[in-house]
Every structure is written in C-alpha cells, then in structure tokens.
N, C-alpha and C. Protein backbone atom coordinates (compact mmCIF):
# COMPACT_ATOMS: atom_id res chain seq x y z
N MET A 1 -6.28 -3.55 19.98
CA MET A 1 -7.25 -2.53 19.61
C MET A 1 -6.77 -1.13 20.05
N ALA A 2 -6.21 -1.06 21.25
CA ALA A 2 -5.76 0.25 21.74
C ALA A 2 -4.63 0.80 20.86
N GLY A 3 -3.74 -0.07 20.42
CA GLY A 3 -2.66 0.37 19.54
C GLY A 3 -3.18 0.89 18.22
N ALA A 4 -4.15 0.20 17.65
CA ALA A 4 -4.75 0.63 16.38
C ALA A 4 -5.45 1.97 16.54
N ASN A 5 -5.97 2.25 17.73
CA ASN A 5 -6.67 3.51 17.96
C ASN A 5 -5.74 4.71 17.81
N HIS A 6 -4.43 4.50 18.01
CA HIS A 6 -3.47 5.59 17.81
C HIS A 6 -3.46 6.05 16.35
N PHE A 7 -3.76 5.14 15.44
CA PHE A 7 -3.78 5.47 14.01
C PHE A 7 -5.16 5.97 13.58
N LEU A 8 -6.20 5.43 14.19
CA LEU A 8 -7.56 5.81 13.82
C LEU A 8 -7.97 7.16 14.39
N HIS A 9 -7.48 7.46 15.60
CA HIS A 9 -7.85 8.70 16.29
C HIS A 9 -6.62 9.34 16.94
N PRO A 10 -5.63 9.73 16.14
CA PRO A 10 -4.40 10.27 16.72
C PRO A 10 -4.63 11.57 17.50
N ASP A 11 -5.69 12.30 17.17
CA ASP A 11 -5.95 13.56 17.86
C ASP A 11 -6.13 13.37 19.36
N ILE A 12 -6.70 12.25 19.77
CA ILE A 12 -6.88 11.96 21.20
C ILE A 12 -5.52 11.92 21.89
N TYR A 13 -4.58 11.24 21.27
CA TYR A 13 -3.26 11.06 21.87
C TYR A 13 -2.41 12.32 21.75
N LEU A 14 -2.63 13.09 20.68
CA LEU A 14 -1.91 14.35 20.54
C LEU A 14 -2.28 15.33 21.65
N ARG A 15 -3.54 15.29 22.09
CA ARG A 15 -3.99 16.18 23.16
C ARG A 15 -3.33 15.88 24.49
N ILE A 16 -2.92 14.63 24.70
CA ILE A 16 -2.32 14.29 25.99
C ILE A 16 -0.79 14.26 25.94
N MET A 17 -0.24 14.54 24.78
CA MET A 17 1.22 14.54 24.62
C MET A 17 1.81 15.75 25.35
N PRO A 18 2.76 15.53 26.24
CA PRO A 18 3.40 16.67 26.91
C PRO A 18 4.04 17.61 25.88
N PRO A 19 3.92 18.91 26.07
CA PRO A 19 4.43 19.87 25.07
C PRO A 19 5.94 19.87 24.93
N TYR A 20 6.65 19.33 25.90
CA TYR A 20 8.11 19.34 25.83
C TYR A 20 8.67 18.21 24.97
N LEU A 21 7.82 17.27 24.52
CA LEU A 21 8.29 16.19 23.66
C LEU A 21 8.26 16.62 22.20
N PRO A 22 9.35 16.38 21.47
CA PRO A 22 9.37 16.75 20.05
C PRO A 22 8.62 15.72 19.19
N PHE A 23 8.22 16.15 18.03
CA PHE A 23 7.60 15.27 17.04
C PHE A 23 6.40 14.49 17.60
N PRO A 24 5.37 15.20 18.07
CA PRO A 24 4.26 14.50 18.72
C PRO A 24 3.53 13.48 17.85
N LEU A 25 3.25 13.82 16.60
CA LEU A 25 2.50 12.86 15.77
C LEU A 25 3.30 11.59 15.50
N PRO A 26 4.58 11.69 15.12
CA PRO A 26 5.35 10.45 14.96
C PRO A 26 5.42 9.64 16.25
N LEU A 27 5.49 10.31 17.40
CA LEU A 27 5.52 9.58 18.68
C LEU A 27 4.19 8.87 18.94
N VAL A 28 3.09 9.49 18.57
CA VAL A 28 1.78 8.84 18.72
C VAL A 28 1.74 7.59 17.85
N TYR A 29 2.18 7.71 16.61
CA TYR A 29 2.17 6.56 15.71
C TYR A 29 3.14 5.47 16.20
N LEU A 30 4.31 5.89 16.66
CA LEU A 30 5.29 4.91 17.16
C LEU A 30 4.73 4.16 18.37
N SER A 31 4.13 4.88 19.30
CA SER A 31 3.58 4.21 20.48
C SER A 31 2.44 3.28 20.09
N GLY A 32 1.62 3.68 19.13
CA GLY A 32 0.54 2.80 18.67
C GLY A 32 1.07 1.55 17.99
N PHE A 33 2.12 1.73 17.18
CA PHE A 33 2.73 0.57 16.52
C PHE A 33 3.33 -0.38 17.55
N LEU A 34 4.07 0.17 18.51
CA LEU A 34 4.70 -0.68 19.52
C LEU A 34 3.66 -1.38 20.39
N GLU A 35 2.61 -0.67 20.75
CA GLU A 35 1.55 -1.28 21.56
C GLU A 35 0.91 -2.44 20.81
N SER A 36 0.67 -2.24 19.51
CA SER A 36 0.08 -3.32 18.70
C SER A 36 1.05 -4.49 18.55
N ALA A 37 2.31 -4.17 18.24
CA ALA A 37 3.31 -5.22 18.01
C ALA A 37 3.55 -6.03 19.27
N PHE A 38 3.73 -5.36 20.40
CA PHE A 38 3.98 -6.09 21.64
C PHE A 38 2.73 -6.85 22.09
N GLY A 39 1.57 -6.27 21.88
CA GLY A 39 0.33 -6.97 22.22
C GLY A 39 0.18 -8.25 21.42
N LEU A 40 0.44 -8.17 20.12
CA LEU A 40 0.38 -9.37 19.27
C LEU A 40 1.49 -10.34 19.64
N GLY A 41 2.62 -9.80 20.09
CA GLY A 41 3.74 -10.64 20.49
C GLY A 41 3.46 -11.50 21.71
N LEU A 42 2.41 -11.15 22.45
CA LEU A 42 2.04 -11.98 23.61
C LEU A 42 1.40 -13.30 23.20
N ILE A 43 1.00 -13.41 21.95
CA ILE A 43 0.28 -14.61 21.50
C ILE A 43 1.21 -15.80 21.28
N PRO A 44 2.23 -15.70 20.42
CA PRO A 44 3.10 -16.88 20.22
C PRO A 44 4.02 -17.09 21.43
N PRO A 45 4.06 -18.28 21.97
CA PRO A 45 4.88 -18.54 23.15
C PRO A 45 6.35 -18.16 22.98
N VAL A 46 6.88 -18.27 21.78
CA VAL A 46 8.30 -18.04 21.57
C VAL A 46 8.70 -16.58 21.84
N CYS A 47 7.80 -15.64 21.67
CA CYS A 47 8.18 -14.24 21.90
C CYS A 47 7.36 -13.58 23.00
N LYS A 48 6.62 -14.37 23.74
CA LYS A 48 5.74 -13.84 24.78
C LYS A 48 6.49 -13.06 25.85
N ARG A 49 7.58 -13.59 26.34
CA ARG A 49 8.34 -12.93 27.40
C ARG A 49 8.93 -11.61 26.91
N ALA A 50 9.52 -11.60 25.73
CA ALA A 50 10.10 -10.36 25.19
C ALA A 50 9.01 -9.32 24.95
N ALA A 51 7.86 -9.76 24.45
CA ALA A 51 6.75 -8.84 24.20
C ALA A 51 6.24 -8.25 25.52
N ALA A 52 6.18 -9.06 26.56
CA ALA A 52 5.74 -8.56 27.86
C ALA A 52 6.69 -7.48 28.37
N TRP A 53 7.98 -7.71 28.27
CA TRP A 53 8.94 -6.71 28.72
C TRP A 53 8.87 -5.47 27.83
N GLY A 54 8.58 -5.65 26.55
CA GLY A 54 8.38 -4.51 25.66
C GLY A 54 7.19 -3.66 26.09
N LEU A 55 6.10 -4.33 26.49
CA LEU A 55 4.93 -3.60 26.97
C LEU A 55 5.23 -2.86 28.28
N VAL A 56 5.98 -3.50 29.15
CA VAL A 56 6.36 -2.84 30.40
C VAL A 56 7.19 -1.58 30.09
N ALA A 57 8.14 -1.70 29.17
CA ALA A 57 8.95 -0.55 28.79
C ALA A 57 8.07 0.55 28.18
N LEU A 58 7.15 0.16 27.34
CA LEU A 58 6.26 1.13 26.72
C LEU A 58 5.41 1.85 27.78
N LEU A 59 4.90 1.10 28.74
CA LEU A 59 4.12 1.72 29.82
C LEU A 59 4.97 2.72 30.61
N LEU A 60 6.26 2.43 30.78
CA LEU A 60 7.16 3.38 31.44
C LEU A 60 7.40 4.61 30.58
N PHE A 61 7.55 4.41 29.27
CA PHE A 61 7.83 5.53 28.38
C PHE A 61 6.64 6.48 28.24
N VAL A 62 5.42 5.97 28.35
CA VAL A 62 4.25 6.84 28.24
C VAL A 62 3.86 7.44 29.58
N PHE A 63 4.52 7.02 30.64
CA PHE A 63 4.20 7.53 31.97
C PHE A 63 4.30 9.05 32.07
N PRO A 64 5.28 9.70 31.44
CA PRO A 64 5.32 11.17 31.50
C PRO A 64 4.03 11.83 30.99
N ALA A 65 3.39 11.25 30.00
CA ALA A 65 2.12 11.81 29.52
C ALA A 65 1.06 11.72 30.61
N ASN A 66 1.05 10.64 31.37
CA ASN A 66 0.09 10.49 32.46
C ASN A 66 0.37 11.49 33.58
N ILE A 67 1.65 11.69 33.87
CA ILE A 67 2.02 12.69 34.89
C ILE A 67 1.60 14.08 34.42
N HIS A 68 1.87 14.37 33.16
CA HIS A 68 1.50 15.67 32.60
C HIS A 68 -0.01 15.91 32.74
N MET A 69 -0.79 14.90 32.44
CA MET A 69 -2.25 15.03 32.56
C MET A 69 -2.66 15.28 34.00
N ALA A 70 -2.07 14.55 34.94
CA ALA A 70 -2.44 14.71 36.35
C ALA A 70 -2.05 16.10 36.87
N LEU A 71 -0.92 16.61 36.41
CA LEU A 71 -0.46 17.92 36.88
C LEU A 71 -1.19 19.09 36.23
N HIS A 72 -1.85 18.83 35.10
CA HIS A 72 -2.53 19.89 34.36
C HIS A 72 -3.97 19.48 34.04
N PRO A 73 -4.78 19.20 35.06
CA PRO A 73 -6.14 18.71 34.81
C PRO A 73 -7.03 19.70 34.06
N SER A 74 -6.72 20.98 34.13
CA SER A 74 -7.55 21.96 33.41
C SER A 74 -7.45 21.79 31.89
N LEU A 75 -6.37 21.16 31.43
CA LEU A 75 -6.23 20.90 29.99
C LEU A 75 -7.08 19.72 29.53
N TYR A 76 -7.60 18.96 30.49
CA TYR A 76 -8.35 17.74 30.18
C TYR A 76 -9.68 17.73 30.93
N PRO A 77 -10.55 18.70 30.62
CA PRO A 77 -11.80 18.81 31.37
C PRO A 77 -12.73 17.61 31.19
N MET A 78 -12.46 16.80 30.20
CA MET A 78 -13.30 15.62 29.98
C MET A 78 -13.04 14.52 31.01
N PHE A 79 -11.99 14.67 31.81
CA PHE A 79 -11.64 13.69 32.84
C PHE A 79 -11.72 14.33 34.22
N GLN A 80 -12.19 13.58 35.17
CA GLN A 80 -12.16 14.03 36.56
C GLN A 80 -10.71 14.05 37.02
N PRO A 81 -10.27 15.10 37.71
CA PRO A 81 -8.87 15.16 38.17
C PRO A 81 -8.46 13.94 39.00
N ALA A 82 -9.36 13.43 39.83
CA ALA A 82 -9.02 12.26 40.65
C ALA A 82 -8.69 11.06 39.77
N LEU A 83 -9.39 10.92 38.66
CA LEU A 83 -9.12 9.80 37.76
C LEU A 83 -7.74 9.92 37.12
N LEU A 84 -7.33 11.16 36.86
CA LEU A 84 -6.00 11.37 36.29
C LEU A 84 -4.91 10.94 37.27
N TRP A 85 -5.15 11.18 38.55
CA TRP A 85 -4.18 10.76 39.57
C TRP A 85 -4.24 9.25 39.80
N LEU A 86 -5.43 8.67 39.73
CA LEU A 86 -5.56 7.22 39.91
C LEU A 86 -4.90 6.45 38.76
N ARG A 87 -4.82 7.10 37.63
CA ARG A 87 -4.21 6.47 36.46
C ARG A 87 -2.72 6.20 36.67
N LEU A 88 -2.08 7.01 37.51
CA LEU A 88 -0.64 6.84 37.73
C LEU A 88 -0.31 5.48 38.36
N PRO A 89 -0.89 5.12 39.50
CA PRO A 89 -0.58 3.79 40.03
C PRO A 89 -1.13 2.66 39.16
N LEU A 90 -2.18 2.96 38.41
CA LEU A 90 -2.76 1.94 37.53
C LEU A 90 -1.72 1.47 36.50
N GLN A 91 -0.84 2.38 36.06
CA GLN A 91 0.19 1.98 35.10
C GLN A 91 1.06 0.86 35.67
N PHE A 92 1.37 0.94 36.96
CA PHE A 92 2.21 -0.08 37.58
C PHE A 92 1.44 -1.38 37.80
N VAL A 93 0.16 -1.26 38.05
CA VAL A 93 -0.69 -2.46 38.13
C VAL A 93 -0.70 -3.15 36.77
N LEU A 94 -0.85 -2.37 35.70
CA LEU A 94 -0.84 -2.95 34.35
C LEU A 94 0.49 -3.63 34.06
N MET A 95 1.59 -3.01 34.47
CA MET A 95 2.91 -3.62 34.26
C MET A 95 2.98 -4.96 34.98
N GLY A 96 2.50 -5.00 36.20
CA GLY A 96 2.50 -6.25 36.95
C GLY A 96 1.63 -7.31 36.30
N LEU A 97 0.47 -6.92 35.82
CA LEU A 97 -0.42 -7.88 35.17
C LEU A 97 0.20 -8.44 33.89
N VAL A 98 0.87 -7.57 33.14
CA VAL A 98 1.54 -8.04 31.92
C VAL A 98 2.60 -9.08 32.27
N LEU A 99 3.40 -8.80 33.29
CA LEU A 99 4.45 -9.75 33.68
C LEU A 99 3.86 -11.03 34.26
N LEU A 100 2.79 -10.91 35.02
CA LEU A 100 2.13 -12.11 35.55
C LEU A 100 1.55 -12.97 34.44
N SER A 101 1.13 -12.32 33.37
CA SER A 101 0.50 -13.07 32.27
C SER A 101 1.46 -14.02 31.58
N VAL A 102 2.75 -13.73 31.66
CA VAL A 102 3.72 -14.63 31.02
C VAL A 102 4.19 -15.71 31.97
N GLY A 103 3.91 -15.55 33.26
CA GLY A 103 4.24 -16.61 34.22
C GLY A 103 5.72 -16.80 34.38
N LYS A 104 6.04 -17.83 35.13
CA LYS A 104 7.43 -18.19 35.38
C LYS A 104 7.94 -19.07 34.25
N ARG A 105 9.21 -18.96 34.03
CA ARG A 105 9.88 -19.79 33.05
C ARG A 105 9.98 -21.22 33.55
N PRO A 106 9.65 -22.21 32.73
CA PRO A 106 9.81 -23.59 33.19
C PRO A 106 11.29 -23.93 33.42
N ALA A 107 11.55 -24.83 34.36
CA ALA A 107 12.92 -25.24 34.66
C ALA A 107 13.58 -25.78 33.39
N GLY A 108 14.75 -25.27 33.08
CA GLY A 108 15.48 -25.71 31.89
C GLY A 108 14.96 -25.10 30.61
N GLY A 109 13.90 -24.29 30.68
CA GLY A 109 13.33 -23.67 29.48
C GLY A 109 14.00 -22.38 29.14
N ARG A 110 13.63 -21.82 27.98
CA ARG A 110 14.18 -20.53 27.56
C ARG A 110 13.23 -19.43 27.87
C-alpha cells in the first residue's frame, strides 16, 4: 500500500525529496515501484530473501530524505521535529524487522 501511495499522492513524497537530488518525480515513482515490488516479493518463498535485502537497500537509499527532514523541520511544519529525529533510528528498526521476517536459511537450503 505504501508503494502504491507514491503513485496516488506523489506530491507528499516530492515535498520530502532533498533538493540536491535530480529528477525528483521519477525518483518518487521509482521508489514507489521498488517498494511495491519488494513488498510483493516477500510473499513467494523463492524470492523472499532477495526481496528482503531489496527492501533493506531501499530503506538505506531513502535515508537521506529522512535526514533532510530532520535537519530542516521548518520545511515540514505538519510534523513535530522530535518525530523527524525519531524516524531516523526507526529506519534501522524496520531494516531489522524485514530481515527477521525472512528468518534463517534452513540447513542445506538455498
């Protein structure tokens, strides 16, 4: 659902895009597509592990937008500044949860 929201409401994501990144709208669409694709990839067991690592990579790639928001809270008056800072460690919690969701590989498995 979150990935689809990039297409339904791109303006939300454009507002949080750091100004130093080129091609903001294509990047919003790309991140939404990847979020949707990797999220769906968690369903079939055959691609679950690769999809989880894809989500972790995506969370790392969008981290600069979270840093930008925390450093410039006046640009985002709809959010409490403390929440913008709390969002930073939350990204790493989400990465851990994604990796935990795929569990350990069975012995002799792929």
